Amino acid sequence: MIVAERVLVRAPNWLGDVVLSLPALRDVRRRFPTSRLTVLARPWVAGLYRAVPDVDAILESRGHAADVAQLRGGFDLAILLPNSFATALVPWRAGVPDRWGYATDGRSLLLTRRCRVPASVRGRSQVYYYRAMLEGLGLAVEGPPDASLACPPEWSAEGRAVLGDEGPFIGVNPGAFYGTAKRWPPERFAAAAEIVARRLGATVAIVGSAAERPLGEAIASMLRVPARVLSGETTLAGLVGVLARLRVLLTNDSGPMHVAAALGTPLVAVFGPTDWRETAPVGERAVVVREDVHCSPCLLRECPIDHRCMTRVAPDRVAAAALALA
């Protein structure tokens, strides 16, 4: 039996993966209820853990040397949710006595407790991928997975300040980091959003990063209903506040999709090249719309043919699913 007063969890690097790993994080908290639980996370996802009360402290990962320095002498156990060799090398060099994780990427010798990825997690939500690691390491996994987030009041206020009070609002999240193959065409987003906004008497709020602002502005220019382009205008906290206020969100497979699902915001996600079985949003009010074509999921960044997995999804189909939720 491991006694660890100071437990470190190395977080996944992407927003959606962070959300899908929350049930495992809560399993760790149940196993070490009195320990100080710290998360080491990349700067672009670290802030989300401020909405997770199970965490006692947050460290931002700033690179190999900096991470080794800030971990040295500070922890009894490191649990590594990412699979890379580099994430195991940091606590090993920092002298963390116990280092646990999947035996992937040639890092087995750096781990004091390791397990292999079980075949049973293939084709299932990544929620189970992270929990299976804990089970393989000998930690108890109890109850249904809890991937929920509660929007802190100050984040809600930030979202309200960005949106204003002229709602209701429906959201459009037309971007996706992985590549253009994951993106439903902008004219389809505009058509579906207009149907939903007219039916609900709502303003369309288009969210995304600063780099996605031209995409958001292009969609807004196609709309004949009130619209706000918020791409690049929100902090992570503000984005969470906005997502929490939406009547419904139309989205690609992306980090904001997972955050919205965790908040309980109704959403319709259009899936194409990615595997909906593994990365679908986790939530009772989340619906996946996809076309069952022979080449999907291909997991490619760019479509080498005609993008049929996305172009065969009609706007009225997405709008009908959204209206059924709103």
C-alpha atoms as a PDB file:
ATOM      1  CA  MET A   1       0.000   0.000   0.000  1.00  0.00           C
ATOM      2  CA  ILE A   2       1.404   3.362  -1.060  1.00  0.00           C
ATOM      3  CA  VAL A   3       1.344   6.228   1.412  1.00  0.00           C
ATOM      4  CA  ALA A   4       1.897   9.501  -0.415  1.00  0.00           C
ATOM      5  CA  GLU A   5       1.349  12.835   1.267  1.00  0.00           C
ATOM      6  CA  ARG A   6       2.245  14.821  -1.847  1.00  0.00           C
ATOM      7  CA  VAL A   7       0.733  13.504  -5.075  1.00  0.00           C
ATOM      8  CA  LEU A   8       1.388  14.983  -8.507  1.00  0.00           C
ATOM      9  CA  VAL A   9      -0.827  14.311 -11.518  1.00  0.00           C
ATOM     10  CA  ARG A  10       0.690  15.219 -14.883  1.00  0.00           C
ATOM     11  CA  ALA A  11      -2.231  16.485 -16.941  1.00  0.00           C
ATOM     12  CA  PRO A  12      -2.923  15.804 -20.614  1.00  0.00           C
ATOM     13  CA  ASN A  13      -1.851  18.552 -22.990  1.00  0.00           C
ATOM     14  CA  TRP A  14      -5.146  19.369 -24.703  1.00  0.00           C
ATOM     15  CA  LEU A  15      -8.379  20.813 -23.400  1.00  0.00           C
ATOM     16  CA  GLY A  16     -10.618  17.950 -24.487  1.00  0.00           C
ATOM     17  CA  ASP A  17      -8.258  15.356 -23.032  1.00  0.00           C
ATOM     18  CA  VAL A  18      -8.232  17.235 -19.733  1.00  0.00           C
ATOM     19  CA  VAL A  19     -12.020  16.981 -19.537  1.00  0.00           C
ATOM     20  CA  LEU A  20     -12.010  13.281 -20.441  1.00  0.00           C
ATOM     21  CA  SER A  21      -9.389  12.617 -17.753  1.00  0.00           C
ATOM     22  CA  LEU A  22     -11.396  14.285 -14.958  1.00  0.00           C
ATOM     23  CA  PRO A  23     -13.031  11.010 -13.821  1.00  0.00           C
ATOM     24  CA  ALA A  24      -9.557   9.489 -13.356  1.00  0.00           C
ATOM     25  CA  LEU A  25      -8.402  12.558 -11.457  1.00  0.00           C
ATOM     26  CA  ARG A  26     -11.356  12.166  -9.118  1.00  0.00           C
ATOM     27  CA  ASP A  27     -10.483   8.490  -8.678  1.00  0.00           C
ATOM     28  CA  VAL A  28      -6.991   9.572  -7.585  1.00  0.00           C
ATOM     29  CA  ARG A  29      -8.518  12.008  -5.096  1.00  0.00           C
ATOM     30  CA  ARG A  30     -10.687   9.244  -3.622  1.00  0.00           C
ATOM     31  CA  ARG A  31      -7.658   6.986  -3.271  1.00  0.00           C
ATOM     32  CA  PHE A  32      -5.587   9.724  -1.595  1.00  0.00           C
ATOM     33  CA  PRO A  33      -8.247  11.740   0.263  1.00  0.00           C
ATOM     34  CA  THR A  34      -5.894  13.506   2.699  1.00  0.00           C
ATOM     35  CA  SER A  35      -2.924  14.000   0.371  1.00  0.00           C
ATOM     36  CA  ARG A  36      -2.016  17.301  -1.200  1.00  0.00           C
ATOM     37  CA  LEU A  37      -2.991  16.826  -4.845  1.00  0.00           C
ATOM     38  CA  THR A  38      -1.140  18.975  -7.368  1.00  0.00           C
ATOM     39  CA  VAL A  39      -1.631  19.075 -11.131  1.00  0.00           C
ATOM     40  CA  LEU A  40       1.198  19.870 -13.544  1.00  0.00           C
ATOM     41  CA  ALA A  41      -0.322  21.174 -16.778  1.00  0.00           C
ATOM     42  CA  ARG A  42       0.536  23.128 -19.884  1.00  0.00           C
ATOM     43  CA  PRO A  43      -0.285  26.853 -19.616  1.00  0.00           C
ATOM     44  CA  TRP A  44      -3.135  26.694 -22.138  1.00  0.00           C
ATOM     45  CA  VAL A  45      -5.058  24.108 -20.065  1.00  0.00           C
ATOM     46  CA  ALA A  46      -3.819  24.776 -16.526  1.00  0.00           C
ATOM     47  CA  GLY A  47      -6.477  27.376 -15.803  1.00  0.00           C
ATOM     48  CA  LEU A  48      -9.306  24.902 -16.290  1.00  0.00           C
ATOM     49  CA  TYR A  49      -8.279  23.109 -13.093  1.00  0.00           C
ATOM     50  CA  ARG A  50      -9.353  26.178 -11.113  1.00  0.00           C
ATOM     51  CA  ALA A  51     -12.863  24.879 -11.747  1.00  0.00           C
ATOM     52  CA  VAL A  52     -11.980  21.467 -10.262  1.00  0.00           C
ATOM     53  CA  PRO A  53     -12.212  21.569  -6.443  1.00  0.00           C
ATOM     54  CA  ASP A  54     -10.546  18.142  -6.135  1.00  0.00           C
ATOM     55  CA  VAL A  55      -7.207  19.831  -6.941  1.00  0.00           C
ATOM     56  CA  ASP A  56      -5.217  21.554  -4.195  1.00  0.00           C
ATOM     57  CA  ALA A  57      -2.579  23.274  -6.339  1.00  0.00           C
ATOM     58  CA  ILE A  58      -1.705  23.886  -9.989  1.00  0.00           C
ATOM     59  CA  LEU A  59       1.767  24.099 -11.512  1.00  0.00           C
ATOM     60  CA  GLU A  60       2.290  25.319 -15.057  1.00  0.00           C
ATOM     61  CA  SER A  61       4.586  23.208 -17.205  1.00  0.00           C
ATOM     62  CA  ARG A  62       7.200  25.552 -18.703  1.00  0.00           C
ATOM     63  CA  GLY A  63       9.598  23.109 -20.335  1.00  0.00           C
ATOM     64  CA  HIS A  64      11.824  20.233 -19.302  1.00  0.00           C
ATOM     65  CA  ALA A  65      14.450  22.019 -17.196  1.00  0.00           C
ATOM     66  CA  ALA A  66      11.937  24.293 -15.486  1.00  0.00           C
ATOM     67  CA  ASP A  67       9.650  21.370 -14.653  1.00  0.00           C
ATOM     68  CA  VAL A  68      12.475  19.295 -13.195  1.00  0.00           C
ATOM     69  CA  ALA A  69      13.443  22.236 -10.987  1.00  0.00           C
ATOM     70  CA  GLN A  70       9.934  22.871  -9.668  1.00  0.00           C
ATOM     71  CA  LEU A  71       9.245  19.184  -8.941  1.00  0.00           C
ATOM     72  CA  ARG A  72      12.535  18.354  -7.238  1.00  0.00           C
ATOM     73  CA  GLY A  73      12.009  17.443  -3.577  1.00  0.00           C
ATOM     74  CA  GLY A  74       8.320  18.325  -3.659  1.00  0.00           C
ATOM     75  CA  PHE A  75       6.461  15.077  -4.322  1.00  0.00           C
ATOM     76  CA  ASP A  76       6.198  11.463  -3.168  1.00  0.00           C
ATOM     77  CA  LEU A  77       4.252  10.145  -6.157  1.00  0.00           C
ATOM     78  CA  ALA A  78       3.741  11.237  -9.767  1.00  0.00           C
ATOM     79  CA  ILE A  79       0.864   9.799 -11.804  1.00  0.00           C
ATOM     80  CA  LEU A  80       1.386  10.429 -15.507  1.00  0.00           C
ATOM     81  CA  LEU A  81      -1.734  10.694 -17.648  1.00  0.00           C
ATOM     82  CA  PRO A  82       0.102  11.478 -20.946  1.00  0.00           C
ATOM     83  CA  ASN A  83       1.929   8.664 -22.695  1.00  0.00           C
ATOM     84  CA  SER A  84       5.156  10.328 -23.783  1.00  0.00           C
ATOM     85  CA  PHE A  85       8.721   9.506 -22.788  1.00  0.00           C
ATOM     86  CA  ALA A  86       9.328  13.183 -21.942  1.00  0.00           C
ATOM     87  CA  THR A  87       6.569  13.314 -19.328  1.00  0.00           C
ATOM     88  CA  ALA A  88       8.147  10.357 -17.493  1.00  0.00           C
ATOM     89  CA  LEU A  89      11.669  11.743 -17.769  1.00  0.00           C
ATOM     90  CA  VAL A  90      10.806  14.915 -15.836  1.00  0.00           C
ATOM     91  CA  PRO A  91       9.771  13.280 -12.504  1.00  0.00           C
ATOM     92  CA  TRP A  92      12.566  10.708 -12.878  1.00  0.00           C
ATOM     93  CA  ARG A  93      15.165  13.467 -13.165  1.00  0.00           C
ATOM     94  CA  ALA A  94      13.447  15.398 -10.352  1.00  0.00           C
ATOM     95  CA  GLY A  95      13.846  12.410  -8.022  1.00  0.00           C
ATOM     96  CA  VAL A  96      10.157  11.750  -7.388  1.00  0.00           C
ATOM     97  CA  PRO A  97      10.317   8.358  -5.607  1.00  0.00           C
ATOM     98  CA  ASP A  98       7.232   6.768  -7.200  1.00  0.00           C
ATOM     99  CA  ARG A  99       6.328   7.308 -10.847  1.00  0.00           C
ATOM    100  CA  TRP A 100       3.296   5.575 -12.337  1.00  0.00           C
ATOM    101  CA  GLY A 101       1.856   5.400 -15.826  1.00  0.00           C
ATOM    102  CA  TYR A 102       1.258   3.426 -18.981  1.00  0.00           C
ATOM    103  CA  ALA A 103       4.275   1.503 -20.320  1.00  0.00           C
ATOM    104  CA  THR A 104       4.282   3.411 -23.613  1.00  0.00           C
ATOM    105  CA  ASP A 105       6.855   5.244 -25.746  1.00  0.00           C
ATOM    106  CA  GLY A 106       9.806   3.250 -24.385  1.00  0.00           C
ATOM    107  CA  ARG A 107       9.576   4.755 -20.908  1.00  0.00           C
ATOM    108  CA  SER A 108       9.093   1.621 -18.792  1.00  0.00           C
ATOM    109  CA  LEU A 109      12.477   1.902 -17.080  1.00  0.00           C
ATOM    110  CA  LEU A 110      11.581   5.403 -15.883  1.00  0.00           C
ATOM    111  CA  LEU A 111       8.460   4.145 -14.075  1.00  0.00           C
ATOM    112  CA  THR A 112       8.284   2.422 -10.709  1.00  0.00           C
ATOM    113  CA  ARG A 113       4.793   1.076 -11.430  1.00  0.00           C
ATOM    114  CA  ARG A 114       3.556   0.535 -14.959  1.00  0.00           C
ATOM    115  CA  CYS A 115       0.855  -1.223 -16.969  1.00  0.00           C
ATOM    116  CA  ARG A 116       0.084  -1.848 -20.607  1.00  0.00           C
ATOM    117  CA  VAL A 117      -2.853  -0.340 -22.461  1.00  0.00           C
ATOM    118  CA  PRO A 118      -5.612  -2.983 -22.323  1.00  0.00           C
ATOM    119  CA  ALA A 119      -7.340  -3.957 -25.552  1.00  0.00           C
ATOM    120  CA  SER A 120     -10.691  -3.420 -23.831  1.00  0.00           C
ATOM    121  CA  VAL A 121     -10.395   0.378 -24.037  1.00  0.00           C
ATOM    122  CA  ARG A 122     -10.130   0.467 -27.829  1.00  0.00           C
ATOM    123  CA  GLY A 123     -13.278   1.860 -29.373  1.00  0.00           C
ATOM    124  CA  ARG A 124     -14.531   3.248 -26.050  1.00  0.00           C
ATOM    125  CA  SER A 125     -14.520   6.756 -24.629  1.00  0.00           C
ATOM    126  CA  GLN A 126     -11.117   8.008 -23.551  1.00  0.00           C
ATOM    127  CA  VAL A 127     -12.674   8.374 -20.115  1.00  0.00           C
ATOM    128  CA  TYR A 128     -12.119   4.632 -19.788  1.00  0.00           C
ATOM    129  CA  TYR A 129      -8.582   4.832 -21.193  1.00  0.00           C
ATOM    130  CA  TYR A 130      -7.451   6.944 -18.224  1.00  0.00           C
ATOM    131  CA  ARG A 131      -9.432   4.951 -15.667  1.00  0.00           C
ATOM    132  CA  ALA A 132      -8.067   1.674 -17.045  1.00  0.00           C
ATOM    133  CA  MET A 133      -4.566   2.958 -16.388  1.00  0.00           C
ATOM    134  CA  LEU A 134      -5.397   3.502 -12.729  1.00  0.00           C
ATOM    135  CA  GLU A 135      -6.911   0.026 -12.474  1.00  0.00           C
ATOM    136  CA  GLY A 136      -3.824  -1.452 -14.113  1.00  0.00           C
ATOM    137  CA  LEU A 137      -1.687   0.347 -11.534  1.00  0.00           C
ATOM    138  CA  GLY A 138      -3.709  -1.149  -8.683  1.00  0.00           C
ATOM    139  CA  LEU A 139      -5.879   1.848  -7.796  1.00  0.00           C
ATOM    140  CA  ALA A 140      -9.588   1.375  -7.196  1.00  0.00           C
ATOM    141  CA  VAL A 141     -11.946   2.920  -9.730  1.00  0.00           C
ATOM    142  CA  GLU A 142     -15.384   3.447  -8.266  1.00  0.00           C
ATOM    143  CA  GLY A 143     -18.775   4.552  -9.512  1.00  0.00           C
ATOM    144  CA  PRO A 144     -19.829   6.108 -12.806  1.00  0.00           C
ATOM    145  CA  PRO A 145     -17.302   8.484 -14.411  1.00  0.00           C
ATOM    146  CA  ASP A 146     -17.729  12.121 -13.399  1.00  0.00           C
ATOM    147  CA  ALA A 147     -16.437  14.469 -16.101  1.00  0.00           C
ATOM    148  CA  SER A 148     -18.459  17.473 -14.958  1.00  0.00           C
ATOM    149  CA  LEU A 149     -17.357  21.056 -14.408  1.00  0.00           C
ATOM    150  CA  ALA A 150     -19.107  23.782 -12.438  1.00  0.00           C
ATOM    151  CA  CYS A 151     -18.552  27.291 -13.777  1.00  0.00           C
ATOM    152  CA  PRO A 152     -17.123  29.451 -10.958  1.00  0.00           C
ATOM    153  CA  PRO A 153     -19.169  32.624 -10.275  1.00  0.00           C
ATOM    154  CA  GLU A 154     -16.363  34.933 -11.385  1.00  0.00           C
ATOM    155  CA  TRP A 155     -16.051  33.049 -14.684  1.00  0.00           C
ATOM    156  CA  SER A 156     -19.797  33.304 -15.186  1.00  0.00           C
ATOM    157  CA  ALA A 157     -19.537  37.055 -14.603  1.00  0.00           C
ATOM    158  CA  GLU A 158     -16.736  37.266 -17.171  1.00  0.00           C
ATOM    159  CA  GLY A 159     -18.867  35.427 -19.701  1.00  0.00           C
ATOM    160  CA  ARG A 160     -21.783  37.751 -19.022  1.00  0.00           C
ATOM    161  CA  ALA A 161     -19.543  40.784 -19.495  1.00  0.00           C
ATOM    162  CA  VAL A 162     -18.447  39.477 -22.900  1.00  0.00           C
ATOM    163  CA  LEU A 163     -21.921  38.461 -24.086  1.00  0.00           C
ATOM    164  CA  GLY A 164     -24.049  41.163 -22.556  1.00  0.00           C
ATOM    165  CA  ASP A 165     -27.637  40.642 -21.489  1.00  0.00           C
ATOM    166  CA  GLU A 166     -29.487  40.625 -24.807  1.00  0.00           C
ATOM    167  CA  GLY A 167     -29.875  36.814 -24.929  1.00  0.00           C
ATOM    168  CA  PRO A 168     -30.860  34.082 -25.300  1.00  0.00           C
ATOM    169  CA  PHE A 169     -27.691  32.949 -27.066  1.00  0.00           C
ATOM    170  CA  ILE A 170     -26.855  29.972 -29.181  1.00  0.00           C
ATOM    171  CA  GLY A 171     -23.198  29.172 -29.748  1.00  0.00           C
ATOM    172  CA  VAL A 172     -21.232  28.226 -32.846  1.00  0.00           C
ATOM    173  CA  ASN A 173     -17.768  26.722 -32.463  1.00  0.00           C
ATOM    174  CA  PRO A 174     -16.596  26.289 -36.083  1.00  0.00           C
ATOM    175  CA  GLY A 175     -12.892  25.684 -35.509  1.00  0.00           C
ATOM    176  CA  ALA A 176     -10.872  22.606 -34.621  1.00  0.00           C
ATOM    177  CA  PHE A 177      -7.191  22.488 -33.801  1.00  0.00           C
ATOM    178  CA  TYR A 178      -6.308  19.166 -35.386  1.00  0.00           C
ATOM    179  CA  GLY A 179      -6.915  20.172 -39.026  1.00  0.00           C
ATOM    180  CA  THR A 180      -9.454  21.199 -41.636  1.00  0.00           C
ATOM    181  CA  ALA A 181     -10.815  17.642 -41.981  1.00  0.00           C
ATOM    182  CA  LYS A 182     -12.506  18.043 -38.578  1.00  0.00           C
ATOM    183  CA  ARG A 183     -14.314  21.199 -39.657  1.00  0.00           C
ATOM    184  CA  TRP A 184     -17.879  21.185 -40.882  1.00  0.00           C
ATOM    185  CA  PRO A 185     -18.096  23.747 -43.731  1.00  0.00           C
ATOM    186  CA  PRO A 186     -18.720  27.315 -42.484  1.00  0.00           C
ATOM    187  CA  GLU A 187     -21.746  27.819 -44.724  1.00  0.00           C
ATOM    188  CA  ARG A 188     -23.348  24.775 -43.080  1.00  0.00           C
ATOM    189  CA  PHE A 189     -22.744  26.224 -39.621  1.00  0.00           C
ATOM    190  CA  ALA A 190     -24.312  29.499 -40.758  1.00  0.00           C
ATOM    191  CA  ALA A 191     -27.366  27.769 -42.215  1.00  0.00           C
ATOM    192  CA  ALA A 192     -27.965  25.612 -39.146  1.00  0.00           C
ATOM    193  CA  ALA A 193     -27.354  28.472 -36.720  1.00  0.00           C
ATOM    194  CA  GLU A 194     -29.816  30.700 -38.562  1.00  0.00           C
ATOM    195  CA  ILE A 195     -32.557  28.072 -38.360  1.00  0.00           C
ATOM    196  CA  VAL A 196     -32.026  27.601 -34.632  1.00  0.00           C
ATOM    197  CA  ALA A 197     -31.625  31.312 -33.845  1.00  0.00           C
ATOM    198  CA  ARG A 198     -34.809  32.255 -35.693  1.00  0.00           C
ATOM    199  CA  ARG A 199     -36.811  29.555 -33.940  1.00  0.00           C
ATOM    200  CA  LEU A 200     -35.517  30.556 -30.488  1.00  0.00           C
ATOM    201  CA  GLY A 201     -35.299  34.299 -31.044  1.00  0.00           C
ATOM    202  CA  ALA A 202     -31.633  34.065 -30.129  1.00  0.00           C
ATOM    203  CA  THR A 203     -28.378  35.862 -30.863  1.00  0.00           C
ATOM    204  CA  VAL A 204     -25.579  33.747 -32.347  1.00  0.00           C
ATOM    205  CA  ALA A 205     -22.297  33.812 -30.382  1.00  0.00           C
ATOM    206  CA  ILE A 206     -19.362  32.533 -32.434  1.00  0.00           C
ATOM    207  CA  VAL A 207     -16.446  31.345 -30.307  1.00  0.00           C
ATOM    208  CA  GLY A 208     -12.897  30.331 -31.101  1.00  0.00           C
ATOM    209  CA  SER A 209      -9.278  31.388 -30.948  1.00  0.00           C
ATOM    210  CA  ALA A 210      -7.800  34.585 -32.366  1.00  0.00           C
ATOM    211  CA  ALA A 211      -6.477  32.579 -35.334  1.00  0.00           C
ATOM    212  CA  GLU A 212     -10.049  31.443 -36.034  1.00  0.00           C
ATOM    213  CA  ARG A 213     -11.483  34.960 -36.088  1.00  0.00           C
ATOM    214  CA  PRO A 214     -11.582  35.194 -39.911  1.00  0.00           C
ATOM    215  CA  LEU A 215     -13.602  31.972 -39.921  1.00  0.00           C
ATOM    216  CA  GLY A 216     -15.983  33.411 -37.329  1.00  0.00           C
ATOM    217  CA  GLU A 217     -16.370  36.656 -39.258  1.00  0.00           C
ATOM    218  CA  ALA A 218     -17.066  34.744 -42.460  1.00  0.00           C
ATOM    219  CA  ILE A 219     -19.888  32.843 -40.753  1.00  0.00           C
ATOM    220  CA  ALA A 220     -21.293  36.038 -39.214  1.00  0.00           C
ATOM    221  CA  SER A 221     -21.372  37.656 -42.661  1.00  0.00           C
ATOM    222  CA  MET A 222     -23.635  34.851 -43.917  1.00  0.00           C
ATOM    223  CA  LEU A 223     -26.170  35.262 -41.111  1.00  0.00           C
ATOM    224  CA  ARG A 224     -29.366  37.294 -41.281  1.00  0.00           C
ATOM    225  CA  VAL A 225     -29.866  37.162 -37.526  1.00  0.00           C
ATOM    226  CA  PRO A 226     -27.992  39.022 -34.755  1.00  0.00           C
ATOM    227  CA  ALA A 227     -24.506  37.624 -34.231  1.00  0.00           C
ATOM    228  CA  ARG A 228     -21.437  38.281 -32.103  1.00  0.00           C
ATOM    229  CA  VAL A 229     -17.942  37.139 -33.094  1.00  0.00           C
ATOM    230  CA  LEU A 230     -16.089  36.366 -29.858  1.00  0.00           C
ATOM    231  CA  SER A 231     -13.154  34.535 -31.436  1.00  0.00           C
ATOM    232  CA  GLY A 232      -9.974  35.696 -29.707  1.00  0.00           C
ATOM    233  CA  GLU A 233     -11.884  37.930 -27.280  1.00  0.00           C
ATOM    234  CA  THR A 234     -12.137  35.582 -24.306  1.00  0.00           C
ATOM    235  CA  THR A 235      -9.740  34.159 -21.771  1.00  0.00           C
ATOM    236  CA  LEU A 236     -10.184  30.491 -20.928  1.00  0.00           C
ATOM    237  CA  ALA A 237     -12.263  31.531 -17.915  1.00  0.00           C
ATOM    238  CA  GLY A 238     -14.348  33.834 -20.102  1.00  0.00           C
ATOM    239  CA  LEU A 239     -14.884  31.075 -22.666  1.00  0.00           C
ATOM    240  CA  VAL A 240     -16.141  28.760 -19.926  1.00  0.00           C
ATOM    241  CA  GLY A 241     -18.443  31.542 -18.747  1.00  0.00           C
ATOM    242  CA  VAL A 242     -19.796  32.014 -22.271  1.00  0.00           C
ATOM    243  CA  LEU A 243     -20.312  28.294 -22.868  1.00  0.00           C
ATOM    244  CA  ALA A 244     -22.176  27.968 -19.575  1.00  0.00           C
ATOM    245  CA  ARG A 245     -24.691  30.642 -20.659  1.00  0.00           C
ATOM    246  CA  LEU A 246     -25.595  29.185 -24.052  1.00  0.00           C
ATOM    247  CA  ARG A 247     -29.006  27.757 -24.815  1.00  0.00           C
ATOM    248  CA  VAL A 248     -27.324  25.281 -27.176  1.00  0.00           C
ATOM    249  CA  LEU A 249     -23.947  24.937 -28.925  1.00  0.00           C
ATOM    250  CA  LEU A 250     -23.261  23.821 -32.504  1.00  0.00           C
ATOM    251  CA  THR A 251     -19.713  22.544 -32.688  1.00  0.00           C
ATOM    252  CA  ASN A 252     -17.010  20.461 -34.288  1.00  0.00           C
ATOM    253  CA  ASP A 253     -15.048  17.843 -32.330  1.00  0.00           C
ATOM    254  CA  SER A 254     -12.864  20.184 -30.259  1.00  0.00           C
ATOM    255  CA  GLY A 255     -11.768  21.251 -26.792  1.00  0.00           C
ATOM    256  CA  PRO A 256     -14.630  23.739 -26.294  1.00  0.00           C
ATOM    257  CA  MET A 257     -17.059  20.938 -27.220  1.00  0.00           C
ATOM    258  CA  HIS A 258     -15.800  18.862 -24.296  1.00  0.00           C
ATOM    259  CA  VAL A 259     -15.876  21.832 -21.913  1.00  0.00           C
ATOM    260  CA  ALA A 260     -19.468  22.631 -22.881  1.00  0.00           C
ATOM    261  CA  ALA A 261     -20.493  19.012 -22.325  1.00  0.00           C
ATOM    262  CA  ALA A 262     -18.819  19.043 -18.916  1.00  0.00           C
ATOM    263  CA  LEU A 263     -20.775  22.169 -18.008  1.00  0.00           C
ATOM    264  CA  GLY A 264     -24.049  20.492 -18.993  1.00  0.00           C
ATOM    265  CA  THR A 265     -24.642  22.873 -21.909  1.00  0.00           C
ATOM    266  CA  PRO A 266     -26.811  21.240 -24.603  1.00  0.00           C
ATOM    267  CA  LEU A 267     -24.749  20.695 -27.748  1.00  0.00           C
ATOM    268  CA  VAL A 268     -24.730  19.114 -31.157  1.00  0.00           C
ATOM    269  CA  ALA A 269     -21.310  17.962 -32.364  1.00  0.00           C
ATOM    270  CA  VAL A 270     -20.600  17.183 -36.006  1.00  0.00           C
ATOM    271  CA  PHE A 271     -18.081  14.340 -36.311  1.00  0.00           C
ATOM    272  CA  GLY A 272     -16.241  13.297 -39.441  1.00  0.00           C
ATOM    273  CA  PRO A 273     -12.679  11.928 -39.503  1.00  0.00           C
ATOM    274  CA  THR A 274     -12.258  11.420 -35.771  1.00  0.00           C
ATOM    275  CA  ASP A 275     -13.488   8.372 -33.870  1.00  0.00           C
ATOM    276  CA  TRP A 276     -16.774   9.313 -32.213  1.00  0.00           C
ATOM    277  CA  ARG A 277     -16.586   6.208 -30.041  1.00  0.00           C
ATOM    278  CA  GLU A 278     -13.422   7.460 -28.315  1.00  0.00           C
ATOM    279  CA  THR A 279     -13.752  11.258 -28.333  1.00  0.00           C
ATOM    280  CA  ALA A 280     -17.486  11.956 -28.241  1.00  0.00           C
ATOM    281  CA  PRO A 281     -18.567  14.557 -25.675  1.00  0.00           C
ATOM    282  CA  VAL A 282     -19.517  13.045 -22.322  1.00  0.00           C
ATOM    283  CA  GLY A 283     -22.845  14.337 -21.115  1.00  0.00           C
ATOM    284  CA  GLU A 284     -26.562  13.586 -21.108  1.00  0.00           C
ATOM    285  CA  ARG A 285     -27.327  16.665 -23.234  1.00  0.00           C
ATOM    286  CA  ALA A 286     -24.728  16.086 -25.946  1.00  0.00           C
ATOM    287  CA  VAL A 287     -25.657  14.669 -29.361  1.00  0.00           C
ATOM    288  CA  VAL A 288     -23.253  13.520 -32.064  1.00  0.00           C
ATOM    289  CA  VAL A 289     -24.293  13.902 -35.701  1.00  0.00           C
ATOM    290  CA  ARG A 290     -22.245  12.048 -38.297  1.00  0.00           C
ATOM    291  CA  GLU A 291     -22.510  10.385 -41.694  1.00  0.00           C
ATOM    292  CA  ASP A 292     -21.702   6.677 -41.807  1.00  0.00           C
ATOM    293  CA  VAL A 293     -19.295   6.620 -44.761  1.00  0.00           C
ATOM    294  CA  HIS A 294     -16.827   3.801 -45.355  1.00  0.00           C
ATOM    295  CA  CYS A 295     -13.705   5.973 -44.876  1.00  0.00           C
ATOM    296  CA  SER A 296     -14.648   7.393 -41.474  1.00  0.00           C
ATOM    297  CA  PRO A 297     -13.001   7.507 -39.020  1.00  0.00           C
ATOM    298  CA  CYS A 298      -9.778   8.045 -40.972  1.00  0.00           C
ATOM    299  CA  LEU A 299      -8.062  10.253 -38.336  1.00  0.00           C
ATOM    300  CA  LEU A 300      -6.481  12.381 -41.082  1.00  0.00           C
ATOM    301  CA  ARG A 301      -5.812  16.103 -40.708  1.00  0.00           C
ATOM    302  CA  GLU A 302      -6.781  16.882 -44.302  1.00  0.00           C
ATOM    303  CA  CYS A 303      -9.246  14.986 -46.466  1.00  0.00           C
ATOM    304  CA  PRO A 304      -7.597  13.531 -49.599  1.00  0.00           C
ATOM    305  CA  ILE A 305     -10.913  13.054 -51.437  1.00  0.00           C
ATOM    306  CA  ASP A 306     -14.229  14.926 -51.211  1.00  0.00           C
ATOM    307  CA  HIS A 307     -14.748  15.342 -47.421  1.00  0.00           C
ATOM    308  CA  ARG A 308     -17.925  13.297 -47.702  1.00  0.00           C
ATOM    309  CA  CYS A 309     -18.077  12.560 -43.965  1.00  0.00           C
ATOM    310  CA  MET A 310     -18.776  16.269 -43.401  1.00  0.00           C
ATOM    311  CA  THR A 311     -20.427  17.482 -46.604  1.00  0.00           C
ATOM    312  CA  ARG A 312     -23.143  14.830 -46.367  1.00  0.00           C
ATOM    313  CA  VAL A 313     -24.284  16.215 -42.998  1.00  0.00           C
ATOM    314  CA  ALA A 314     -27.082  18.647 -43.836  1.00  0.00           C
ATOM    315  CA  PRO A 315     -27.731  21.869 -41.859  1.00  0.00           C
ATOM    316  CA  ASP A 316     -31.388  21.039 -41.206  1.00  0.00           C
ATOM    317  CA  ARG A 317     -30.330  17.763 -39.579  1.00  0.00           C
ATOM    318  CA  VAL A 318     -28.032  19.568 -37.156  1.00  0.00           C
ATOM    319  CA  ALA A 319     -30.612  22.296 -36.524  1.00  0.00           C
ATOM    320  CA  ALA A 320     -33.327  19.728 -35.739  1.00  0.00           C
ATOM    321  CA  ALA A 321     -31.053  18.014 -33.236  1.00  0.00           C
ATOM    322  CA  ALA A 322     -30.238  21.351 -31.604  1.00  0.00           C
ATOM    323  CA  LEU A 323     -33.882  22.403 -31.342  1.00  0.00           C
ATOM    324  CA  ALA A 324     -34.758  19.081 -29.738  1.00  0.00           C
ATOM    325  CA  LEU A 325     -32.236  19.877 -26.989  1.00  0.00           C
ATOM    326  CA  ALA A 326     -32.781  23.618 -26.500  1.00  0.00           C
END
